[in-house]
Amino acid sequence: MFRSNIIFCILIVTSVATHAMEHDGKKSEDFLVTQPVNLVSSNLDDLVLQGVQHIKDHGSLFQARAGSGQQAFDVSYTLTNPRNRVHNLRAPAATKYLAREFLAYFNGSLKVDEGLGEASKMWTTLANDKGEICSNYGHYVFHQRVPSTGKTQYEWVIDNLKKSRDSRKAFININQLQHKDMDSKDFPCTLGMQFFVKQNHLCCSVASRSTDIFTGLPYDMGFFSFVTELVYKDLKRQSKEQDPKLKLGYVTMKTQFTQIYDATRTKALKMLEDNTKKERPAYATDMPKIHDAQATLKDIYEKTDETPVMKWVHKHAALTKKRSAEGN
């Protein structure tokens, strides 16, 4: 009887193992399991170029509602110096769009004509019949309030990290339940931002369902790195005695899909070619550091430009009267 039970168990294990080795009739060695890729650089321009190269070399063709293109899976983009957030390769147009998007985020309005529509008319094509969009990330960071406390999600992050540098709750939700029911073409690509202290460095990990390397990453990373520096400076301001050695860490965007759409493929590959066939000048940005978190937040909420960083934003948002089509 004991021997029969052993044989029976072996048969079950063998059957389960055989089933696990197959996937839709294919052996496991034929089933593609994507290995995570982490692209790392100290400046945004290099991250963009690395992303274009990776998608070009390893991406698969796809067809989506937004168009066709080539995409890679399970890619992270890590910016080790969040202050190197300006996309110089396509300046000044990219700089202008970044600055205009910043102002739209600071304003925080989900009405497209009061925010992102002023950065690019492309956003108006994504609005619902009420003229609203979902992807004003600044709304969720600086304006959306936690029901139980009445504080913004930004303040939630600061409070959590002030209480404990080991907090795992310092999170800002962007893609939310109501977005699943909204009649809108605009479904936020970013799921959320998590802030944490690692080896005495304030870092941020952004979860993204989908990241366009050409029209998304340069501006999303620009904003997320700005918010990370702001959180860092705010914590330094509020806890000088508690944490005098706290430093600014990295920002990582972890994305399940990262793509080049056919509509921008020629421009993306031309940018890659132009910047790999010859030596590029050293990365440089004239965007000032955030010197005072409280004053910068005052500028954000009062729509003023008293601080150096906000003067920069307002100046570059008004570089030219010519409207930016997509920041490229």
Protein backbone atom coordinates (compact mmCIF):
# COMPACT_ATOMS: atom_id res chain seq x y z
CA MET A 1 0.00 0.00 0.00
CA PHE A 2 2.83 2.37 0.94
CA ARG A 3 4.60 1.61 -2.34
CA SER A 4 1.38 2.27 -4.29
CA ASN A 5 0.98 5.66 -2.65
CA ILE A 6 4.55 6.60 -3.59
CA ILE A 7 3.98 5.61 -7.21
CA PHE A 8 0.69 7.53 -7.24
CA CYS A 9 2.40 10.68 -5.89
CA ILE A 10 5.19 10.38 -8.43
CA LEU A 11 2.63 10.18 -11.23
CA ILE A 12 0.86 13.31 -9.95
CA VAL A 13 4.12 15.29 -9.65
CA THR A 14 5.20 14.14 -13.11
CA SER A 15 1.85 15.15 -14.59
CA VAL A 16 1.96 18.59 -12.94
CA ALA A 17 5.57 19.13 -14.04
CA THR A 18 4.74 18.10 -17.61
CA HIS A 19 1.78 20.49 -17.66
CA ALA A 20 3.97 23.32 -16.29
CA MET A 21 6.50 22.68 -19.03
CA GLU A 22 3.87 23.46 -21.65
CA HIS A 23 2.22 26.74 -22.53
CA ASP A 24 -0.48 26.73 -25.18
CA GLY A 25 0.95 23.54 -26.61
CA LYS A 26 4.52 24.86 -26.63
CA LYS A 27 7.46 23.64 -24.59
CA SER A 28 8.78 26.03 -21.95
CA GLU A 29 11.97 26.65 -23.92
CA ASP A 30 9.82 28.16 -26.68
CA PHE A 31 7.91 30.44 -24.32
CA LEU A 32 9.47 33.88 -24.08
CA VAL A 33 10.03 35.06 -20.52
CA THR A 34 11.19 38.65 -20.64
CA GLN A 35 14.12 39.48 -18.41
CA PRO A 36 13.85 42.90 -16.72
CA VAL A 37 16.12 45.58 -18.16
CA ASN A 38 17.32 48.64 -16.24
CA LEU A 39 18.72 51.50 -18.29
CA VAL A 40 20.74 53.88 -16.12
CA SER A 41 22.25 57.31 -16.68
CA SER A 42 23.05 60.51 -14.82
CA ASN A 43 21.18 62.61 -17.40
CA LEU A 44 17.89 62.44 -19.27
CA ASP A 45 19.30 62.71 -22.79
CA ASP A 46 21.31 59.52 -22.41
CA LEU A 47 18.31 57.69 -20.95
CA VAL A 48 16.21 58.63 -23.99
CA LEU A 49 18.89 57.48 -26.42
CA GLN A 50 19.37 54.21 -24.53
CA GLY A 51 15.62 53.65 -24.63
CA VAL A 52 15.36 54.25 -28.38
CA GLN A 53 18.29 51.89 -28.99
CA HIS A 54 16.83 49.17 -26.77
CA ILE A 55 13.39 49.32 -28.37
CA LYS A 56 14.92 49.34 -31.84
CA ASP A 57 17.08 46.30 -31.10
CA HIS A 58 14.75 44.25 -28.89
CA GLY A 59 11.22 45.53 -29.40
CA SER A 60 8.25 43.70 -30.88
CA LEU A 61 5.72 45.12 -33.31
CA PHE A 62 2.33 46.05 -31.87
CA GLN A 63 -0.99 47.59 -32.88
CA ALA A 64 -2.99 49.65 -30.39
CA ARG A 65 -5.78 52.21 -30.47
CA ALA A 66 -3.21 54.99 -30.34
CA GLY A 67 -1.39 53.56 -33.37
CA SER A 68 1.15 50.96 -34.37
CA GLY A 69 4.82 50.77 -33.48
CA GLN A 70 7.52 48.79 -31.73
CA GLN A 71 7.63 48.10 -28.01
CA ALA A 72 9.84 46.43 -25.43
CA PHE A 73 8.68 44.82 -22.21
CA ASP A 74 9.63 45.26 -18.56
CA VAL A 75 12.09 48.15 -18.87
CA SER A 76 13.17 50.53 -16.09
CA TYR A 77 14.68 53.97 -16.69
CA THR A 78 16.84 55.21 -13.80
CA LEU A 79 18.03 58.81 -13.58
CA THR A 80 20.81 58.90 -10.99
CA ASN A 81 20.93 62.71 -10.90
CA PRO A 82 17.34 64.03 -10.86
CA ARG A 83 18.55 67.57 -11.50
CA ASN A 84 19.68 66.57 -15.01
CA ARG A 85 16.05 66.45 -16.10
CA VAL A 86 16.00 68.69 -19.17
CA HIS A 87 15.81 67.05 -22.61
CA ASN A 88 18.45 69.08 -24.44
CA LEU A 89 18.59 66.96 -27.60
CA ARG A 90 15.37 68.51 -28.86
CA ALA A 91 15.74 71.97 -27.36
CA PRO A 92 14.37 74.57 -27.43
CA ALA A 93 10.99 73.02 -28.37
CA ALA A 94 11.28 70.22 -25.80
CA THR A 95 12.28 72.69 -23.11
CA LYS A 96 9.30 74.87 -23.89
CA TYR A 97 6.88 71.96 -23.74
CA LEU A 98 8.37 70.72 -20.45
CA ALA A 99 7.95 74.17 -18.90
CA ARG A 100 4.38 74.49 -20.16
CA GLU A 101 3.53 71.04 -18.86
CA PHE A 102 5.00 72.01 -15.49
CA LEU A 103 2.69 75.04 -15.32
CA ALA A 104 -0.30 72.89 -16.25
CA TYR A 105 0.64 70.42 -13.51
CA PHE A 106 1.10 73.17 -10.95
CA ASN A 107 -2.31 74.58 -11.87
CA GLY A 108 -3.71 71.07 -11.43
CA SER A 109 -6.91 71.53 -13.43
CA LEU A 110 -8.48 68.51 -15.14
CA LYS A 111 -10.21 70.91 -17.53
CA VAL A 112 -8.10 70.59 -20.65
CA ASP A 113 -8.48 74.26 -21.64
CA GLU A 114 -7.19 75.37 -18.25
CA GLY A 115 -4.12 73.18 -18.19
CA LEU A 116 -2.56 70.68 -20.55
CA GLY A 117 -4.39 72.09 -23.56
CA GLU A 118 -2.25 75.20 -23.13
CA ALA A 119 0.88 73.05 -23.36
CA SER A 120 -0.24 71.26 -26.50
CA LYS A 121 -3.48 71.14 -28.49
CA MET A 122 -2.93 67.38 -28.75
CA TRP A 123 -4.46 67.10 -25.29
CA THR A 124 -7.74 68.58 -26.48
CA THR A 125 -8.22 65.59 -28.79
CA LEU A 126 -8.16 63.30 -25.73
CA ALA A 127 -10.70 65.20 -23.63
CA ASN A 128 -14.16 63.80 -22.92
CA ASP A 129 -17.42 65.56 -23.80
CA LYS A 130 -17.05 67.67 -20.65
CA GLY A 131 -13.66 68.95 -21.79
CA GLU A 132 -11.82 66.96 -19.12
CA ILE A 133 -8.70 64.82 -19.21
CA CYS A 134 -7.19 62.50 -16.59
CA SER A 135 -3.42 62.84 -17.03
CA ASN A 136 -2.76 66.09 -15.23
CA TYR A 137 -0.30 64.50 -12.81
CA GLY A 138 0.04 67.68 -10.78
CA HIS A 139 -3.63 67.39 -9.80
CA TYR A 140 -2.91 64.18 -7.90
CA VAL A 141 0.39 65.37 -6.42
CA PHE A 142 -0.42 68.92 -5.29
CA HIS A 143 -4.22 69.25 -5.26
CA GLN A 144 -6.03 65.95 -4.63
CA ARG A 145 -6.66 65.55 -0.92
CA VAL A 146 -6.79 62.50 1.31
CA PRO A 147 -10.42 62.33 2.56
CA SER A 148 -9.57 61.44 6.16
CA THR A 149 -7.06 64.24 6.72
CA GLY A 150 -7.78 66.87 4.08
CA LYS A 151 -4.09 66.94 3.21
CA THR A 152 -2.71 66.63 -0.30
CA GLN A 153 -0.97 63.45 -1.44
CA TYR A 154 2.28 65.43 -1.47
CA GLU A 155 1.74 66.27 2.21
CA TRP A 156 0.94 62.60 2.88
CA VAL A 157 4.39 61.69 1.56
CA ILE A 158 6.13 64.30 3.69
CA ASP A 159 4.23 63.26 6.83
CA ASN A 160 5.08 59.58 6.35
CA LEU A 161 8.77 60.18 5.81
CA LYS A 162 8.95 62.64 8.71
CA LYS A 163 7.51 60.00 11.04
CA SER A 164 9.84 57.30 9.79
CA ARG A 165 12.67 57.24 7.27
CA ASP A 166 11.82 53.55 6.80
CA SER A 167 8.23 54.28 5.76
CA ARG A 168 6.84 52.14 2.95
CA LYS A 169 3.64 54.18 2.69
CA ALA A 170 5.01 57.36 1.11
CA PHE A 171 3.03 56.81 -2.08
CA ILE A 172 1.11 59.06 -4.48
CA ASN A 173 -1.67 57.36 -6.45
CA ILE A 174 -2.20 58.67 -9.98
CA ASN A 175 -4.16 56.03 -11.94
CA GLN A 176 -7.27 55.58 -9.82
CA LEU A 177 -10.55 53.66 -9.70
CA GLN A 178 -12.64 56.44 -11.24
CA HIS A 179 -10.50 56.39 -14.37
CA LYS A 180 -11.87 52.95 -15.23
CA ASP A 181 -15.38 54.41 -15.51
CA MET A 182 -14.60 57.68 -17.25
CA ASP A 183 -15.58 58.13 -20.87
CA SER A 184 -12.21 59.47 -21.98
CA LYS A 185 -9.47 58.55 -24.44
CA ASP A 186 -7.00 59.72 -21.80
CA PHE A 187 -6.18 56.86 -19.40
CA PRO A 188 -3.22 57.77 -17.17
CA CYS A 189 -0.05 55.88 -18.06
CA THR A 190 1.45 56.40 -14.62
CA LEU A 191 0.11 54.24 -11.80
CA GLY A 192 1.87 56.03 -8.96
CA MET A 193 5.02 57.32 -7.28
CA GLN A 194 6.67 55.85 -4.21
CA PHE A 195 9.26 57.77 -2.19
CA PHE A 196 11.70 56.07 0.14
CA VAL A 197 15.05 56.56 1.82
CA LYS A 198 17.75 54.15 0.72
CA GLN A 199 21.22 54.34 2.25
CA ASN A 200 20.44 57.89 3.37
CA HIS A 201 19.32 58.98 -0.11
CA LEU A 202 15.77 60.12 -0.91
CA CYS A 203 14.68 58.13 -3.97
CA CYS A 204 11.54 57.73 -6.03
CA SER A 205 10.19 54.71 -7.88
CA VAL A 206 7.48 55.38 -10.47
CA ALA A 207 5.22 52.58 -11.70
CA SER A 208 4.05 53.04 -15.28
CA ARG A 209 1.85 50.80 -17.41
CA SER A 210 3.18 52.30 -20.66
CA THR A 211 5.91 54.82 -21.57
CA ASP A 212 6.43 56.42 -24.97
CA ILE A 213 10.17 56.97 -25.26
CA PHE A 214 9.83 59.97 -27.57
CA THR A 215 6.82 61.96 -26.33
CA GLY A 216 6.43 60.55 -22.83
CA LEU A 217 9.65 59.74 -20.97
CA PRO A 218 11.41 63.10 -21.55
CA TYR A 219 8.58 64.99 -19.85
CA ASP A 220 7.33 62.43 -17.32
CA MET A 221 10.83 61.92 -15.97
CA GLY A 222 11.28 65.68 -15.95
CA PHE A 223 8.26 66.15 -13.69
CA PHE A 224 8.86 63.14 -11.44
CA SER A 225 12.46 64.19 -10.84
CA PHE A 226 11.30 67.72 -10.00
CA VAL A 227 8.84 66.38 -7.42
CA THR A 228 11.55 64.13 -5.99
CA GLU A 229 13.91 67.07 -5.51
CA LEU A 230 11.07 69.05 -3.94
CA VAL A 231 10.29 66.25 -1.46
CA TYR A 232 14.00 66.00 -0.67
CA LYS A 233 14.35 69.73 0.01
CA ASP A 234 11.14 69.77 2.06
CA LEU A 235 12.36 66.92 4.27
CA LYS A 236 15.71 68.66 4.73
CA ARG A 237 13.90 71.85 5.71
CA GLN A 238 11.63 70.19 8.25
CA SER A 239 14.17 67.88 9.85
CA LYS A 240 17.60 69.47 9.77
CA GLU A 241 18.54 68.14 13.18
CA GLN A 242 17.02 64.70 12.62
CA ASP A 243 18.58 63.96 9.24
CA PRO A 244 21.40 66.40 8.36
CA LYS A 245 23.07 63.92 6.04
CA LEU A 246 20.05 63.13 3.85
CA LYS A 247 21.01 63.34 0.15
CA LEU A 248 19.14 63.42 -3.14
CA GLY A 249 18.94 59.93 -4.66
CA TYR A 250 17.71 58.50 -7.94
CA VAL A 251 14.40 58.37 -9.79
CA THR A 252 13.35 55.14 -11.50
CA MET A 253 10.47 54.71 -13.93
CA LYS A 254 9.47 51.04 -14.06
CA THR A 255 7.37 50.46 -17.14
CA GLN A 256 5.71 47.31 -18.42
CA PHE A 257 5.59 48.57 -22.01
CA THR A 258 7.90 51.15 -23.55
CA GLN A 259 7.45 52.04 -27.19
CA ILE A 260 8.20 54.04 -30.30
CA TYR A 261 5.09 54.76 -32.34
CA ASP A 262 5.37 54.67 -36.11
CA ALA A 263 4.24 58.31 -36.17
CA THR A 264 7.48 59.42 -34.47
CA ARG A 265 9.78 56.54 -35.42
CA THR A 266 11.66 58.45 -38.14
CA LYS A 267 12.38 61.36 -35.77
CA ALA A 268 13.42 59.04 -32.94
CA LEU A 269 15.83 57.03 -35.09
CA LYS A 270 17.24 60.20 -36.64
CA MET A 271 17.89 61.58 -33.15
CA LEU A 272 19.63 58.33 -32.22
CA GLU A 273 21.76 58.36 -35.38
CA ASP A 274 22.74 61.99 -35.00
CA ASN A 275 23.90 61.45 -31.45
CA THR A 276 25.77 58.17 -31.83
CA LYS A 277 27.78 58.75 -34.99
CA LYS A 278 29.67 61.64 -33.44
CA GLU A 279 30.77 62.73 -30.00
CA ARG A 280 28.14 64.79 -28.26
CA PRO A 281 29.01 67.73 -26.04
CA ALA A 282 28.80 67.13 -22.30
CA TYR A 283 25.28 67.26 -20.88
CA ALA A 284 24.35 70.66 -19.54
CA THR A 285 21.21 72.17 -18.08
CA ASP A 286 20.49 75.65 -16.88
CA MET A 287 17.46 74.66 -14.80
CA PRO A 288 18.21 75.93 -11.28
CA LYS A 289 18.19 73.77 -8.18
CA ILE A 290 15.28 73.99 -5.78
CA HIS A 291 16.81 76.10 -3.03
CA ASP A 292 13.73 76.58 -0.85
CA ALA A 293 10.90 74.03 -0.81
CA GLN A 294 8.44 76.23 1.05
CA ALA A 295 8.97 79.18 -1.31
CA THR A 296 8.71 76.89 -4.34
CA LEU A 297 5.42 75.45 -3.08
CA LYS A 298 4.17 78.99 -2.52
CA ASP A 299 5.00 79.76 -6.15
CA ILE A 300 3.14 76.62 -7.25
CA TYR A 301 -0.05 77.42 -5.37
CA GLU A 302 -0.05 81.16 -5.95
CA LYS A 303 1.07 80.86 -9.62
CA THR A 304 4.00 83.20 -9.03
CA ASP A 305 7.66 83.03 -10.01
CA GLU A 306 9.64 84.36 -7.07
CA THR A 307 12.09 81.45 -6.80
CA PRO A 308 14.88 80.83 -9.34
CA VAL A 309 13.49 77.48 -10.47
CA MET A 310 10.02 78.93 -11.05
CA LYS A 311 11.47 81.90 -12.88
CA TRP A 312 13.12 79.36 -15.19
CA VAL A 313 9.83 77.52 -15.74
CA HIS A 314 7.87 80.68 -16.55
CA LYS A 315 10.62 82.01 -18.81
CA HIS A 316 10.89 78.85 -20.91
CA ALA A 317 7.14 78.35 -21.09
CA ALA A 318 6.99 81.68 -22.94
CA LEU A 319 10.03 81.19 -25.22
CA THR A 320 7.94 81.73 -28.31
CA LYS A 321 4.33 82.39 -29.24
CA LYS A 322 4.43 79.47 -31.66
CA ARG A 323 2.50 76.60 -30.11
CA SER A 324 4.26 73.29 -29.54
CA ALA A 325 2.49 70.43 -31.28
CA GLU A 326 3.97 67.67 -29.11
CA GLY A 327 7.18 68.98 -27.62
CA ASN A 328 9.45 67.65 -30.37
